[in-house]
Each structure stands twice: as structure tokens, then as C-alpha cells.
Protein backbone atom coordinates (compact mmCIF):
# COMPACT_ATOMS: atom_id res chain seq x y z
CA UNK A 1 98.51 95.22 137.75
CA UNK A 2 100.65 93.33 140.30
CA UNK A 3 98.01 91.23 142.10
CA UNK A 4 98.60 87.50 141.84
CA UNK A 5 95.87 84.92 142.26
CA UNK A 6 96.54 82.99 145.50
CA UNK A 7 96.99 79.25 145.39
CA UNK A 8 94.86 76.77 147.29
CA UNK A 9 97.79 76.33 149.67
CA UNK A 10 97.80 80.10 150.29
CA UNK A 11 94.11 80.01 151.23
CA UNK A 12 94.66 77.05 153.55
CA UNK A 13 97.33 79.03 155.39
CA UNK A 14 95.11 82.13 155.59
CA UNK A 15 92.24 80.02 156.93
CA UNK A 16 94.52 78.56 159.58
CA UNK A 17 96.01 81.94 160.53
CA UNK A 18 92.61 83.56 161.12
CA UNK A 19 90.96 80.50 162.70
CA UNK A 20 88.32 80.27 159.95
CA UNK A 21 88.35 76.44 159.86
CA UNK A 22 87.29 76.30 156.20
CA UNK A 23 86.84 72.94 154.49
CA UNK A 24 88.64 72.09 151.23
CA UNK A 25 85.48 72.48 149.15
CA UNK A 26 84.84 75.91 150.64
CA UNK A 27 88.39 76.97 149.88
CA UNK A 28 88.06 75.80 146.26
CA UNK A 29 84.88 77.83 145.83
CA UNK A 30 86.59 80.88 147.29
CA UNK A 31 89.47 80.39 144.85
CA UNK A 32 87.05 80.37 141.90
CA UNK A 33 85.36 83.50 143.20
CA UNK A 34 88.69 85.27 143.66
CA UNK A 35 89.61 84.52 140.06
CA UNK A 36 86.46 86.27 138.83
CA UNK A 37 87.00 89.21 141.16
CA UNK A 38 90.60 89.62 140.04
CA UNK A 39 89.43 89.91 136.43
CA UNK A 40 87.22 92.84 137.47
CA UNK A 41 90.20 94.49 139.14
CA UNK A 42 92.28 94.06 135.98
CA UNK A 43 89.59 95.56 133.76
CA UNK A 44 89.17 98.50 136.13
CA UNK A 45 92.92 99.02 136.27
CA UNK A 46 93.06 99.19 132.46
CA UNK A 47 90.80 102.26 132.37
CA UNK A 48 92.55 105.64 131.96
CA UNK A 49 92.94 107.80 135.06
CA UNK A 50 91.45 111.27 135.14
CA UNK A 51 94.25 113.83 135.29
CA UNK A 52 93.51 117.58 135.47
CA UNK A 53 94.77 119.44 132.42
CA UNK A 54 98.08 121.28 132.76
CA UNK A 55 97.38 124.81 131.54
CA UNK A 56 100.77 126.48 131.34
CA UNK A 57 104.14 125.57 129.86
CA UNK A 58 107.21 125.35 132.03
CA UNK A 59 110.86 124.34 131.86
CA UNK A 60 112.27 121.55 134.01
CA UNK A 61 114.44 123.82 136.14
CA UNK A 62 117.30 122.55 138.30
CA UNK A 63 118.51 121.88 141.84
CA UNK A 64 119.81 125.01 143.58
CA UNK A 65 123.52 125.75 143.77
CA UNK A 66 124.98 125.97 147.26
CA UNK A 67 125.67 129.70 147.07
CA UNK A 68 122.05 130.51 146.16
CA UNK A 69 120.66 128.28 148.90
CA UNK A 70 122.57 129.25 152.07
CA UNK A 71 119.84 128.06 154.47
CA UNK A 72 118.72 124.94 152.58
CA UNK A 73 115.25 126.38 151.98
CA UNK A 74 115.10 125.45 148.29
CA UNK A 75 115.00 121.96 146.83
CA UNK A 76 114.29 122.87 143.19
CA UNK A 77 114.50 126.14 141.25
CA UNK A 78 112.17 126.80 138.36
CA UNK A 79 110.32 129.59 136.60
CA UNK A 80 106.65 129.02 135.84
CA UNK A 81 104.44 131.83 134.63
CA UNK A 82 100.73 131.75 133.92
CA UNK A 83 98.46 134.55 132.79
CA UNK A 84 99.99 137.96 132.16
CA UNK A 85 97.48 139.86 134.29
CA UNK A 86 95.97 138.98 137.65
CA UNK A 87 95.89 139.62 141.39
CA UNK A 88 99.35 138.11 141.91
CA UNK A 89 101.17 139.92 139.11
CA UNK A 90 104.73 140.74 140.20
CA UNK A 91 104.68 138.26 143.10
CA UNK A 92 107.39 135.59 143.41
CA UNK A 93 105.91 132.48 145.02
CA UNK A 94 107.41 129.26 146.39
CA UNK A 95 105.56 125.97 146.79
CA UNK A 96 106.17 123.40 149.53
CA UNK A 97 107.55 120.18 148.07
CA UNK A 98 104.60 118.08 149.18
CA UNK A 99 102.51 119.84 146.51
CA UNK A 100 102.47 118.56 142.94
CA UNK A 101 103.71 120.68 140.03
CA UNK A 102 103.58 118.91 136.67
CA UNK A 103 107.01 118.13 135.24
CA UNK A 104 108.89 119.22 138.38
CA UNK A 105 110.48 116.54 140.62
CA UNK A 106 108.82 116.14 144.03
CA UNK A 107 110.47 114.59 147.09
CA UNK A 108 108.18 115.51 149.99
CA UNK A 109 111.40 115.74 151.97
CA UNK A 110 112.03 112.00 151.61
CA UNK A 111 114.19 109.46 149.81
CA UNK A 112 110.97 107.45 149.47
CA UNK A 113 109.81 109.66 146.58
CA UNK A 114 113.08 109.85 144.64
CA UNK A 115 112.34 109.78 140.92
CA UNK A 116 108.76 111.03 141.28
CA UNK A 117 107.76 113.62 138.67
CA UNK A 118 104.06 114.57 138.91
CA UNK A 119 101.88 114.71 135.80
CA UNK A 120 99.45 117.29 137.20
CA UNK A 121 99.36 120.66 138.92
CA UNK A 122 97.77 120.88 142.34
CA UNK A 123 94.71 123.13 142.41
CA UNK A 124 96.56 125.79 144.41
CA UNK A 125 99.30 125.85 141.77
CA UNK A 126 96.82 126.32 138.93
CA UNK A 127 95.03 129.10 140.81
CA UNK A 128 98.27 130.97 141.48
CA UNK A 129 99.21 130.81 137.79
CA UNK A 130 95.69 131.82 136.76
CA UNK A 131 96.22 135.06 138.73
CA UNK A 132 99.63 135.87 137.16
CA UNK A 133 101.76 134.66 140.08
CA UNK A 134 105.27 133.47 139.20
CA UNK A 135 106.33 130.18 140.80
CA UNK A 136 110.08 130.32 141.39
CA UNK A 137 110.93 127.27 143.52
CA UNK A 138 109.86 124.15 145.38
CA UNK A 139 110.83 124.39 149.05
CA UNK A 140 112.40 121.83 151.34
CA UNK A 141 110.11 120.16 153.87
CA UNK A 142 110.54 117.64 156.65
CA UNK A 143 110.70 113.93 155.75
CA UNK A 144 107.13 113.06 154.68
CA UNK A 145 106.17 116.22 156.62
CA UNK A 146 106.24 114.27 159.89
CA UNK A 147 108.34 116.59 162.04
CA UNK A 148 108.06 120.03 163.59
CA UNK A 149 111.82 120.61 163.36
CA UNK A 150 113.92 121.33 160.29
CA UNK A 151 116.47 118.53 160.58
CA UNK A 152 114.87 115.40 159.07
CA UNK A 153 114.44 116.85 155.57
CA UNK A 154 116.03 115.22 152.55
CA UNK A 155 118.31 116.16 150.82
CA UNK A 156 119.44 118.69 153.43
CA UNK A 157 118.37 120.36 156.70
CA UNK A 158 116.96 123.87 156.79
CA UNK A 159 118.65 126.59 158.86
CA UNK A 160 117.02 129.58 160.51
CA UNK A 161 118.02 132.79 158.68
CA UNK A 162 117.66 134.77 161.92
CA UNK A 163 120.36 132.58 163.46
CA UNK A 164 121.67 129.56 161.48
CA UNK A 165 122.53 127.77 164.72
CA UNK A 166 118.80 127.42 165.42
CA UNK A 167 116.19 125.25 163.70
CA UNK A 168 113.66 126.90 161.42
CA UNK A 169 110.71 124.78 162.57
CA UNK A 170 108.67 122.50 160.35
CA UNK A 171 107.43 120.84 158.46
CA UNK A 172 107.00 123.78 156.04
CA UNK A 173 110.51 124.88 156.97
CA UNK A 174 111.72 125.79 153.49
CA UNK A 175 108.62 127.83 152.68
CA UNK A 176 109.05 129.86 155.87
CA UNK A 177 112.76 130.44 155.30
CA UNK A 178 112.33 131.33 151.62
CA UNK A 179 109.93 134.09 152.69
CA UNK A 180 111.97 135.24 155.69
CA UNK A 181 115.21 135.42 153.69
CA UNK A 182 113.59 137.43 150.90
CA UNK A 183 113.84 134.80 148.18
CA UNK A 184 110.10 135.07 147.51
CA UNK A 185 107.19 137.28 148.44
CA UNK A 186 104.88 134.51 149.59
CA UNK A 187 104.73 130.74 149.79
CA UNK A 188 102.31 127.85 150.10
CA UNK A 189 102.78 125.65 153.16
CA UNK A 190 101.02 122.59 154.53
CA UNK A 191 99.74 121.99 158.05
CA UNK A 192 98.55 118.84 159.81
CA UNK A 193 99.76 119.60 163.32
CA UNK A 194 101.45 122.99 163.25
CA UNK A 195 103.52 122.73 160.08
CA UNK A 196 102.66 126.23 158.84
CA UNK A 197 102.39 127.88 162.24
CA UNK A 198 105.56 126.52 163.86
CA UNK A 199 108.10 127.61 161.22
CA UNK A 200 106.30 130.92 160.69
CA UNK A 201 106.71 131.64 164.39
CA UNK A 202 110.31 130.46 164.56
CA UNK A 203 111.57 132.56 161.64
CA UNK A 204 109.35 135.59 162.25
CA UNK A 205 106.88 135.68 159.37
CA UNK A 206 103.10 135.32 159.08
CA UNK A 207 101.52 131.95 158.42
CA UNK A 208 97.86 130.96 158.32
CA UNK A 209 96.32 127.53 158.77
CA UNK A 210 92.96 128.21 157.07
CA UNK A 211 89.59 126.90 158.17
CA UNK A 212 89.36 123.19 157.34
CA UNK A 213 88.37 122.66 153.72
CA UNK A 214 88.62 126.33 152.72
CA UNK A 215 91.69 125.69 150.54
CA UNK A 216 91.61 122.55 148.35
CA UNK A 217 94.24 119.94 149.18
CA UNK A 218 93.95 118.37 145.70
CA UNK A 219 97.37 117.42 144.39
CA UNK A 220 99.20 117.43 147.74
CA UNK A 221 100.60 114.42 149.62
CA UNK A 222 98.13 113.46 152.33
CA UNK A 223 98.96 112.49 155.91
CA UNK A 224 95.41 112.20 157.26
CA UNK A 225 92.37 113.65 155.46
CA UNK A 226 90.81 115.28 158.52
CA UNK A 227 94.11 116.99 159.36
CA UNK A 228 95.32 118.04 155.89
CA UNK A 229 95.53 121.81 155.23
CA UNK A 230 97.32 124.04 152.73
CA UNK A 231 97.74 127.73 153.49
CA UNK A 232 99.58 130.99 152.80
CA UNK A 233 102.87 132.18 154.29
CA UNK A 234 104.23 135.71 153.80
CA UNK A 235 106.03 138.69 155.34
CA UNK A 236 102.89 140.84 155.52
CA UNK A 237 99.27 140.31 156.51
CA UNK A 238 98.19 141.85 153.20
CA UNK A 239 100.10 139.22 151.25
CA UNK A 240 98.55 136.51 153.42
CA UNK A 241 95.09 137.85 152.59
CA UNK A 242 95.92 138.21 148.90
CA UNK A 243 97.22 134.67 148.49
CA UNK A 244 94.31 133.24 150.51
CA UNK A 245 91.88 135.12 148.27
CA UNK A 246 93.42 133.39 145.25
CA UNK A 247 93.71 129.81 146.53
CA UNK A 248 90.53 129.51 148.65
CA UNK A 249 87.34 128.01 147.29
CA UNK A 250 85.79 124.73 146.20
CA UNK A 251 87.42 122.88 143.30
CA UNK A 252 85.00 119.94 143.07
CA UNK A 253 87.82 117.41 143.47
CA UNK A 254 88.56 117.51 147.20
CA UNK A 255 86.08 115.75 149.54
CA UNK A 256 87.49 117.74 152.46
CA UNK A 257 85.60 120.73 151.10
CA UNK A 258 81.88 121.19 151.86
CA UNK A 259 79.49 121.46 148.91
CA UNK A 260 78.25 124.75 150.35
CA UNK A 261 81.66 126.38 149.85
CA UNK A 262 81.62 128.65 146.79
CA UNK A 263 84.19 128.59 144.04
CA UNK A 264 86.78 131.38 144.19
CA UNK A 265 86.73 134.13 145.12
CA UNK A 266 85.18 133.11 148.43
CA UNK A 267 85.61 136.53 150.03
CA UNK A 268 87.57 139.71 149.21
CA UNK A 269 90.03 139.02 152.02
CA UNK A 270 92.41 141.78 150.97
CA UNK A 271 89.70 144.44 151.12
CA UNK A 272 88.42 143.11 154.44
CA UNK A 273 91.75 143.99 156.07
CA UNK A 274 90.91 147.68 155.79
CA UNK A 275 87.39 147.20 157.14
CA UNK A 276 86.01 148.58 160.40
CA UNK A 277 87.14 146.64 163.49
CA UNK A 278 85.72 148.82 166.26
CA UNK A 279 83.32 146.80 168.40
CA UNK A 280 84.78 143.42 167.48
CA UNK A 281 85.41 140.92 170.28
CA UNK A 282 88.58 138.82 170.52
CA UNK A 283 88.96 135.97 172.98
CA UNK A 284 92.33 135.01 174.45
CA UNK A 285 92.28 131.32 175.35
CA UNK A 286 93.54 130.99 178.92
CA UNK A 287 94.64 127.38 178.45
CA UNK A 288 96.95 128.35 175.58
CA UNK A 289 99.45 129.89 178.00
CA UNK A 290 101.71 128.77 180.86
CA UNK A 291 102.42 125.26 179.65
CA UNK A 292 105.36 123.40 181.26
CA UNK A 293 107.33 123.80 178.02
CA UNK A 294 106.14 127.33 177.20
CA UNK A 295 108.65 130.16 176.93
CA UNK A 296 107.58 133.10 179.08
CA UNK A 297 108.76 135.73 176.62
CA UNK A 298 106.61 134.17 173.89
CA UNK A 299 103.57 134.01 176.18
CA UNK A 300 104.11 137.64 177.19
CA UNK A 301 104.56 138.80 173.61
CA UNK A 302 101.28 137.22 172.51
CA UNK A 303 99.41 138.63 175.51
CA UNK A 304 100.86 142.12 175.07
CA UNK A 305 100.11 142.11 171.34
CA UNK A 306 96.52 141.08 172.00
CA UNK A 307 96.07 143.92 174.45
CA UNK A 308 97.20 146.41 171.80
CA UNK A 309 94.09 145.51 169.82
CA UNK A 310 92.14 147.53 172.37
CA UNK A 311 93.73 150.68 170.88
CA UNK A 312 91.61 150.04 167.77
CA UNK A 313 88.34 149.67 169.65
CA UNK A 314 88.44 145.88 169.81
CA UNK A 315 87.21 144.28 173.02
CA UNK A 316 89.74 141.70 174.25
CA UNK A 317 88.63 139.16 176.85
CA UNK A 318 90.17 136.06 178.39
CA UNK A 319 88.10 132.94 177.78
CA UNK A 320 88.50 129.46 179.21
CA UNK A 321 88.35 126.30 177.09
CA UNK A 322 89.55 123.53 179.44
CA UNK A 323 89.52 120.91 176.69
CA UNK A 324 92.26 122.89 174.90
CA UNK A 325 94.73 121.31 177.32
CA UNK A 326 93.77 117.95 175.80
CA UNK A 327 94.53 119.12 172.26
CA UNK A 328 97.68 117.07 171.78
CA UNK A 329 96.04 114.00 173.34
CA UNK A 330 93.12 114.32 170.92
CA UNK A 331 95.41 114.83 167.93
CA UNK A 332 97.74 111.92 168.72
CA UNK A 333 95.42 108.94 168.03
CA UNK A 334 93.98 110.68 164.98
CA UNK A 335 97.46 111.39 163.66
CA UNK A 336 98.84 107.91 164.37
CA UNK A 337 95.89 105.84 163.17
CA UNK A 338 95.06 108.18 160.30
CA UNK A 339 98.63 108.33 159.02
CA UNK A 340 98.90 104.55 159.29
CA UNK A 341 95.74 104.06 157.23
CA UNK A 342 96.50 106.79 154.70
CA UNK A 343 100.27 106.68 154.25
CA UNK A 344 101.22 103.08 155.01
CA UNK A 345 98.23 100.81 154.39
CA UNK A 346 96.79 103.18 151.77
CA UNK A 347 100.07 103.99 149.95
CA UNK A 348 99.60 107.73 150.41
CA UNK A 349 95.93 107.79 149.39
CA UNK A 350 94.00 105.80 151.98
CA UNK A 351 90.59 104.23 151.40
CA UNK A 352 87.03 105.37 150.80
CA UNK A 353 87.95 108.63 149.08
CA UNK A 354 85.31 110.46 147.09
CA UNK A 355 87.61 112.92 145.34
CA UNK A 356 90.45 112.78 142.85
CA UNK A 357 92.75 109.77 143.18
CA UNK A 358 96.36 110.80 142.53
CA UNK A 359 97.28 107.25 141.50
CA UNK A 360 100.79 108.32 140.52
CA UNK A 361 101.59 108.88 144.20
CA UNK A 362 100.07 105.57 145.25
CA UNK A 363 102.02 103.62 142.63
CA UNK A 364 105.41 105.10 143.47
CA UNK A 365 105.02 105.37 147.24
CA UNK A 366 103.43 101.92 147.48
CA UNK A 367 106.36 100.37 145.62
CA UNK A 368 108.82 102.27 147.81
CA UNK A 369 107.15 100.91 150.94
CA UNK A 370 107.78 97.39 149.65
CA UNK A 371 111.34 97.90 148.42
CA UNK A 372 112.93 100.59 150.59
CA UNK A 373 110.99 101.01 153.83
CA UNK A 374 114.39 101.39 155.50
CA UNK A 375 114.37 104.95 154.09
CA UNK A 376 111.24 105.93 156.03
CA UNK A 377 111.87 108.56 158.72
CA UNK A 378 111.95 107.28 162.28
CA UNK A 379 108.72 109.19 162.92
CA UNK A 380 106.93 106.90 160.45
CA UNK A 381 108.81 103.59 160.80
CA UNK A 382 106.81 102.73 163.91
CA UNK A 383 103.57 102.96 161.93
CA UNK A 384 104.95 100.74 159.17
CA UNK A 385 106.17 98.02 161.53
CA UNK A 386 103.00 98.02 163.61
CA UNK A 387 100.81 97.50 160.52
CA UNK A 388 102.20 94.04 159.92
CA UNK A 389 103.19 92.81 163.39
CA UNK A 390 100.67 93.97 165.99
CA UNK A 391 96.95 94.34 166.63
CA UNK A 392 97.50 97.38 168.85
CA UNK A 393 100.03 100.18 169.09
CA UNK A 394 101.43 101.93 172.17
CA UNK A 395 103.61 105.01 171.65
CA UNK A 396 105.63 106.96 174.22
């Protein structure tokens, strides 16, 4: 454990800095108390961490060769198989590189995590293998997942397979491109502010940000606990439903999930696709269209597609939610302050968690913050600097 007992001189300086005006005798008593408290920290730190058991063997794999990775979608190629029979038998699946797979290097799109090899499988990984899915690659993502483009990712950018001169969107850029280019049948992506939905839209596949807490985030790198989501990405709605059916449900390790949520399977999502839809009502949110930076052809395509639902007996109505226009303004302080507390001050874990502590991440990322903060993406450097220099933050 790297905590050093402060000296009396250190406490004098802290007292002065925070205008506490403590007397020498008070400072000496605090020093004695700190010594006792530090011993408790050391004893706690010596206890073994709980690590979920890794069920299935795997080989290390390798980085992709240039010719097998023309769009930069893949960051690591592997072959991991679980059970022989299950709902995902015959499906090739990629995993976003912010999700832990035991024994497989994980970068989270950043130099900050170089050398990190997880010792556990994320819950979604275990569930995929339990249902006979084959994991074939980790996919490139934006640097610490803090971008909606596909250009900040380390070790390389991700190109759009529809037109390589265009971005693929992010931050789950590699997952989207791996699906769109046919490398895999389905993929797991992550979403805090559009990171499944943006790249899915930009490369022309399906992507679902599930209801909050439906899919456990256990074993994935957190940005902000109230924003963290993992979800399915695929070329067909049926594959979206199938993968969601496998990965959804309470795991008992993720405090984002309500206790009322059942363990998997939550619902037979695949069967529900073929259910009766006549008489359903669908609302089209008026405030989701005609933004200053909207593209008219995209707005029109969504509106026209919604109207086609009427051919199946679905009632489609426009609804107004004025607060929707404030969505980005509401997200911004949550994203900034939450990411600061979780990623920077909390070394990737944050404080007050009730679930599994992935201490491996905290140890490596915390040390990287101290030794190589210069490698943080520009989208995060502002948070890091503000933590130690200012009482308030103003962003453009």
C-alpha cells in the first residue's frame, strides 16, 4: 500500500492551506490518530480481493495484421469458446475493448491502460460463453470512450466501411464496424452518451442502448455510474433481440441494477419479435427533429420509417416533450462531474460503490494518472487539471 504517514510539518501546511488554525497539540493528536487509521487501511489492503471465477480456457491471441483489419475495427484477435450448446451457437461475437476478458490485453482505446491484462471476465462475457457464443476479437474504441467520433482511439483510428473517408462514429466504433464489415455477427458496445447509437447509425447497423440497469456493467470501465450502459449491436433486429436475451438480467454484483430485476432470462426477446403488434401506440418525439445541426435527410428517413409502422396496425402519433431540447444541457454537468469523480479522483472506480470493486483497474489507472497524465485524451485532460487547481469548472 502506497500511503505514507504525513509529518507534523505536512499537517501544519494543510492546516494553514484550509484556514483551520489548529494548535500544535491538536496537530500532534491528529498525527497519532492518523497513524492508527493507516494501520487499519494496511490490514484491509492485505485482505484478498474477490474475483469472479473464470470458467473457460482461452489462448492469448494476438494483435491483428494490417490486411485483416482494413478499417481499424479490431484491436486484438482471439478465439474463446464456452459451452458447446446454447442460444448463441454458431455466432461470432466481438467485445468492445472497455470490457474485461481475462488474460486478454485491454486498452480502452488509451495509452493510459497499456500493459493492463484483466484477471476476470465481465458478466456479459461469461453469459455469452455460457450460451455457446464464440468471442473472436476485442474492438477498438475511442480514447477512454470519451468521444463520439472515431479518431481519438489508440492505437489507430477507425474508418467507416461504407466510405473510408468518413468517420465511423463512437465511442463503440470498432464494434459497429466489425459488424458492418461482416467480421462478426454481433458485438457488445458501451453507451454513456450515444456511444452505441451514434456508430450504429453512421455505419448502418442496429444498436440498442438498453433500459438502465437491464444489462450488468460488471467488469467494464466506468465513466459515470448513472450513465454506464452495455448493449447489443448487430446487422439484424433478431440478432439484437437474441444477444439482449442472453446478456440481460441481474448478476448480483452491479449496483446499477435494481433488486427487482430477475436473473436471466429476463424476457424471451427473440420470440417477442414475432408477437402481435396491431393496436400498439408509438410516439414520435417532436423535439427530436429539426435541430440546427440536424441533417434533413436523416430526419425525413426516421419520420418516413415511423409512418410505415401504420401498415402493421400500429398507431403512430407525434408527442411533445419540451424538456427533450434540454437533454444535452442535463447530461453535461452529470457527465463532467461524474467522470471527474469516477475516472480521475476515483481512479476509474469512484466512491461509495456497493458492487464489485475491480481493483485491478484502479491500481493501474490510478498509477497512470500520477505518472503519465500527459497521455490522457484532450476530452479528459480538462477534468484532470481542474481537480487539483480549481474549486469550480467552466467548459465551453
